[in-house]
PDB file of N, CA and C in Angstrom:
ATOM      1  N   UNK A   1      88.683 130.430 121.097  1.00  0.00           N
ATOM      2  CA  UNK A   1      88.275 129.859 119.833  1.00  0.00           C
ATOM      3  C   UNK A   1      89.519 129.467 119.031  1.00  0.00           C
ATOM      4  N   UNK A   2      89.503 128.269 118.444  1.00  0.00           N
ATOM      5  CA  UNK A   2      90.633 127.789 117.655  1.00  0.00           C
ATOM      6  C   UNK A   2      90.568 128.341 116.238  1.00  0.00           C
ATOM      7  N   UNK A   3      91.712 128.797 115.723  1.00  0.00           N
ATOM      8  CA  UNK A   3      91.729 129.268 114.335  1.00  0.00           C
ATOM      9  C   UNK A   3      91.589 128.088 113.378  1.00  0.00           C
ATOM     10  N   UNK A   4      91.129 128.362 112.187  1.00  0.00           N
ATOM     11  CA  UNK A   4      90.988 127.329 111.159  1.00  0.00           C
ATOM     12  C   UNK A   4      92.373 126.816 110.793  1.00  0.00           C
ATOM     13  N   UNK A   5      92.511 125.481 110.647  1.00  0.00           N
ATOM     14  CA  UNK A   5      93.812 124.947 110.245  1.00  0.00           C
ATOM     15  C   UNK A   5      94.150 125.355 108.807  1.00  0.00           C
ATOM     16  N   UNK A   6      95.430 125.462 108.538  1.00  0.00           N
ATOM     17  CA  UNK A   6      95.853 125.815 107.187  1.00  0.00           C
ATOM     18  C   UNK A   6      95.759 124.581 106.289  1.00  0.00           C
ATOM     19  N   UNK A   7      95.845 124.808 104.996  1.00  0.00           N
ATOM     20  CA  UNK A   7      95.818 123.707 104.031  1.00  0.00           C
ATOM     21  C   UNK A   7      96.972 122.758 104.309  1.00  0.00           C
ATOM     22  N   UNK A   8      98.141 123.302 104.620  1.00  0.00           N
ATOM     23  CA  UNK A   8      99.303 122.479 104.903  1.00  0.00           C
ATOM     24  C   UNK A   8      99.074 121.601 106.134  1.00  0.00           C
ATOM     25  N   UNK A   9      98.476 122.171 107.171  1.00  0.00           N
ATOM     26  CA  UNK A   9      98.175 121.405 108.383  1.00  0.00           C
ATOM     27  C   UNK A   9      97.177 120.284 108.088  1.00  0.00           C
ATOM     28  N   UNK A  10      96.183 120.590 107.287  1.00  0.00           N
ATOM     29  CA  UNK A  10      95.196 119.571 106.930  1.00  0.00           C
ATOM     30  C   UNK A  10      95.824 118.452 106.100  1.00  0.00           C
ATOM     31  N   UNK A  11      96.690 118.813 105.164  1.00  0.00           N
ATOM     32  CA  UNK A  11      97.368 117.804 104.348  1.00  0.00           C
ATOM     33  C   UNK A  11      98.275 116.929 105.206  1.00  0.00           C
ATOM     34  N   UNK A  12      98.957 117.525 106.168  1.00  0.00           N
ATOM     35  CA  UNK A  12      99.806 116.762 107.082  1.00  0.00           C
ATOM     36  C   UNK A  12      98.959 115.808 107.919  1.00  0.00           C
ATOM     37  N   UNK A  13      97.826 116.284 108.373  1.00  0.00           N
ATOM     38  CA  UNK A  13      96.914 115.431 109.154  1.00  0.00           C
ATOM     39  C   UNK A  13      96.420 114.265 108.301  1.00  0.00           C
ATOM     40  N   UNK A  14      96.105 114.516 107.052  1.00  0.00           N
ATOM     41  CA  UNK A  14      95.670 113.452 106.142  1.00  0.00           C
ATOM     42  C   UNK A  14      96.778 112.425 105.974  1.00  0.00           C
ATOM     43  N   UNK A  15      98.011 112.882 105.773  1.00  0.00           N
ATOM     44  CA  UNK A  15      99.147 111.956 105.632  1.00  0.00           C
ATOM     45  C   UNK A  15      99.323 111.104 106.891  1.00  0.00           C
ATOM     46  N   UNK A  16      99.202 111.722 108.056  1.00  0.00           N
ATOM     47  CA  UNK A  16      99.316 110.985 109.315  1.00  0.00           C
ATOM     48  C   UNK A  16      98.222 109.928 109.433  1.00  0.00           C
ATOM     49  N   UNK A  17      97.000 110.311 109.107  1.00  0.00           N
ATOM     50  CA  UNK A  17      95.884 109.376 109.203  1.00  0.00           C
ATOM     51  C   UNK A  17      96.018 108.235 108.195  1.00  0.00           C
ATOM     52  N   UNK A  18      96.495 108.544 106.998  1.00  0.00           N
ATOM     53  CA  UNK A  18      96.702 107.489 105.995  1.00  0.00           C
ATOM     54  C   UNK A  18      97.780 106.516 106.447  1.00  0.00           C
ATOM     55  N   UNK A  19      98.833 107.013 107.074  1.00  0.00           N
ATOM     56  CA  UNK A  19      99.901 106.141 107.580  1.00  0.00           C
ATOM     57  C   UNK A  19      99.377 105.250 108.703  1.00  0.00           C
ATOM     58  N   UNK A  20      98.621 105.834 109.625  1.00  0.00           N
ATOM     59  CA  UNK A  20      98.041 105.042 110.711  1.00  0.00           C
ATOM     60  C   UNK A  20      97.063 104.013 110.166  1.00  0.00           C
ATOM     61  N   UNK A  21      96.268 104.402 109.181  1.00  0.00           N
ATOM     62  CA  UNK A  21      95.320 103.491 108.559  1.00  0.00           C
ATOM     63  C   UNK A  21      96.053 102.307 107.928  1.00  0.00           C
ATOM     64  N   UNK A  22      97.159 102.588 107.261  1.00  0.00           N
ATOM     65  CA  UNK A  22      97.940 101.526 106.633  1.00  0.00           C
ATOM     66  C   UNK A  22      98.498 100.560 107.678  1.00  0.00           C
ATOM     67  N   UNK A  23      98.999 101.097 108.776  1.00  0.00           N
ATOM     68  CA  UNK A  23      99.517 100.255 109.859  1.00  0.00           C
ATOM     69  C   UNK A  23      98.414  99.383 110.438  1.00  0.00           C
ATOM     70  N   UNK A  24      97.251  99.967 110.661  1.00  0.00           N
ATOM     71  CA  UNK A  24      96.137  99.202 111.211  1.00  0.00           C
ATOM     72  C   UNK A  24      95.654  98.138 110.237  1.00  0.00           C
ATOM     73  N   UNK A  25      95.631  98.453 108.948  1.00  0.00           N
ATOM     74  CA  UNK A  25      95.220  97.470 107.950  1.00  0.00           C
ATOM     75  C   UNK A  25      96.193  96.301 107.919  1.00  0.00           C
ATOM     76  N   UNK A  26      97.494  96.584 108.044  1.00  0.00           N
ATOM     77  CA  UNK A  26      98.494  95.522 108.094  1.00  0.00           C
ATOM     78  C   UNK A  26      98.257  94.603 109.293  1.00  0.00           C
ATOM     79  N   UNK A  27      97.936  95.204 110.443  1.00  0.00           N
ATOM     80  CA  UNK A  27      97.661  94.402 111.640  1.00  0.00           C
ATOM     81  C   UNK A  27      96.404  93.565 111.462  1.00  0.00           C
ATOM     82  N   UNK A  28      95.369  94.150 110.860  1.00  0.00           N
ATOM     83  CA  UNK A  28      94.146  93.396 110.607  1.00  0.00           C
ATOM     84  C   UNK A  28      94.396  92.240 109.647  1.00  0.00           C
ATOM     85  N   UNK A  29      95.190  92.486 108.618  1.00  0.00           N
ATOM     86  CA  UNK A  29      95.525  91.430 107.667  1.00  0.00           C
ATOM     87  C   UNK A  29      96.263  90.282 108.368  1.00  0.00           C
ATOM     88  N   UNK A  30      97.175  90.616 109.273  1.00  0.00           N
ATOM     89  CA  UNK A  30      97.908  89.602 110.008  1.00  0.00           C
ATOM     90  C   UNK A  30      96.955  88.791 110.891  1.00  0.00           C
ATOM     91  N   UNK A  31      96.074  89.478 111.600  1.00  0.00           N
ATOM     92  CA  UNK A  31      95.097  88.790 112.442  1.00  0.00           C
ATOM     93  C   UNK A  31      94.209  87.894 111.601  1.00  0.00           C
ATOM     94  N   UNK A  32      93.751  88.395 110.475  1.00  0.00           N
ATOM     95  CA  UNK A  32      92.878  87.603 109.603  1.00  0.00           C
ATOM     96  C   UNK A  32      93.604  86.365 109.084  1.00  0.00           C
ATOM     97  N   UNK A  33      94.881  86.506 108.750  1.00  0.00           N
ATOM     98  CA  UNK A  33      95.634  85.348 108.248  1.00  0.00           C
ATOM     99  C   UNK A  33      95.797  84.273 109.314  1.00  0.00           C
ATOM    100  N   UNK A  34      95.773  84.664 110.583  1.00  0.00           N
ATOM    101  CA  UNK A  34      95.857  83.697 111.673  1.00  0.00           C
ATOM    102  C   UNK A  34      94.491  83.059 111.919  1.00  0.00           C
ATOM    103  N   UNK A  35      93.457  83.877 111.950  1.00  0.00           N
ATOM    104  CA  UNK A  35      92.108  83.396 112.251  1.00  0.00           C
ATOM    105  C   UNK A  35      91.534  82.582 111.092  1.00  0.00           C
ATOM    106  N   UNK A  36      91.766  83.018 109.868  1.00  0.00           N
ATOM    107  CA  UNK A  36      91.203  82.361 108.686  1.00  0.00           C
ATOM    108  C   UNK A  36      92.295  82.147 107.654  1.00  0.00           C
ATOM    109  N   UNK A  37      93.152  81.143 107.887  1.00  0.00           N
ATOM    110  CA  UNK A  37      94.229  80.888 106.924  1.00  0.00           C
ATOM    111  C   UNK A  37      93.675  80.418 105.583  1.00  0.00           C
ATOM    112  N   UNK A  38      94.531  80.448 104.561  1.00  0.00           N
ATOM    113  CA  UNK A  38      94.142  79.974 103.236  1.00  0.00           C
ATOM    114  C   UNK A  38      93.670  78.528 103.316  1.00  0.00           C
ATOM    115  N   UNK A  39      92.795  78.138 102.384  1.00  0.00           N
ATOM    116  CA  UNK A  39      92.222  76.787 102.372  1.00  0.00           C
ATOM    117  C   UNK A  39      93.275  75.690 102.384  1.00  0.00           C
ATOM    118  N   UNK A  40      94.354  75.838 101.609  1.00  0.00           N
ATOM    119  CA  UNK A  40      95.351  74.775 101.525  1.00  0.00           C
ATOM    120  C   UNK A  40      96.132  74.609 102.829  1.00  0.00           C
ATOM    121  N   UNK A  41      96.121  75.639 103.675  1.00  0.00           N
ATOM    122  CA  UNK A  41      96.821  75.560 104.951  1.00  0.00           C
ATOM    123  C   UNK A  41      95.904  75.116 106.088  1.00  0.00           C
ATOM    124  N   UNK A  42      94.623  74.938 105.802  1.00  0.00           N
ATOM    125  CA  UNK A  42      93.645  74.626 106.823  1.00  0.00           C
ATOM    126  C   UNK A  42      93.443  73.119 106.937  1.00  0.00           C
ATOM    127  N   UNK A  43      93.658  72.550 108.120  1.00  0.00           N
ATOM    128  CA  UNK A  43      93.364  71.120 108.304  1.00  0.00           C
ATOM    129  C   UNK A  43      91.876  70.860 108.087  1.00  0.00           C
ATOM    130  N   UNK A  44      91.537  69.643 107.685  1.00  0.00           N
ATOM    131  CA  UNK A  44      90.151  69.298 107.392  1.00  0.00           C
ATOM    132  C   UNK A  44      89.233  69.436 108.601  1.00  0.00           C
ATOM    133  N   UNK A  45      89.758  69.239 109.800  1.00  0.00           N
ATOM    134  CA  UNK A  45      88.902  69.305 110.987  1.00  0.00           C
ATOM    135  C   UNK A  45      88.763  70.714 111.558  1.00  0.00           C
ATOM    136  N   UNK A  46      89.350  71.702 110.913  1.00  0.00           N
ATOM    137  CA  UNK A  46      89.259  73.089 111.359  1.00  0.00           C
ATOM    138  C   UNK A  46      88.190  73.820 110.575  1.00  0.00           C
ATOM    139  N   UNK A  47      87.343  74.543 111.261  1.00  0.00           N
ATOM    140  CA  UNK A  47      86.275  75.286 110.602  1.00  0.00           C
ATOM    141  C   UNK A  47      86.867  76.496 109.903  1.00  0.00           C
ATOM    142  N   UNK A  48      86.512  76.687 108.647  1.00  0.00           N
ATOM    143  CA  UNK A  48      86.979  77.840 107.866  1.00  0.00           C
ATOM    144  C   UNK A  48      86.057  79.023 108.134  1.00  0.00           C
ATOM    145  N   UNK A  49      86.638  80.170 108.434  1.00  0.00           N
ATOM    146  CA  UNK A  49      85.877  81.394 108.655  1.00  0.00           C
ATOM    147  C   UNK A  49      86.114  82.310 107.473  1.00  0.00           C
ATOM    148  N   UNK A  50      85.050  82.728 106.831  1.00  0.00           N
ATOM    149  CA  UNK A  50      85.166  83.624 105.673  1.00  0.00           C
ATOM    150  C   UNK A  50      84.951  85.052 106.135  1.00  0.00           C
ATOM    151  N   UNK A  51      85.816  85.965 105.682  1.00  0.00           N
ATOM    152  CA  UNK A  51      85.713  87.364 106.052  1.00  0.00           C
ATOM    153  C   UNK A  51      85.583  88.227 104.830  1.00  0.00           C
ATOM    154  N   UNK A  52      85.430  89.511 105.088  1.00  0.00           N
ATOM    155  CA  UNK A  52      85.319  90.496 104.017  1.00  0.00           C
ATOM    156  C   UNK A  52      86.672  91.154 103.851  1.00  0.00           C
ATOM    157  N   UNK A  53      87.145  91.246 102.618  1.00  0.00           N
ATOM    158  CA  UNK A  53      88.443  91.899 102.356  1.00  0.00           C
ATOM    159  C   UNK A  53      88.254  93.370 102.235  1.00  0.00           C
TER     160      UNK A  53
END
């Protein structure tokens, strides 16, 4: 049986998860900027895809 994690261990895990979440959000933002660029950067013949921020 595993002992309960300490408060410090849980806080460290939260920090790790927040850092990973931030990295993943940055990657998603980059992908979104490629898939659905701003209107002024979009040629008229390209279909605009709207996403959720």
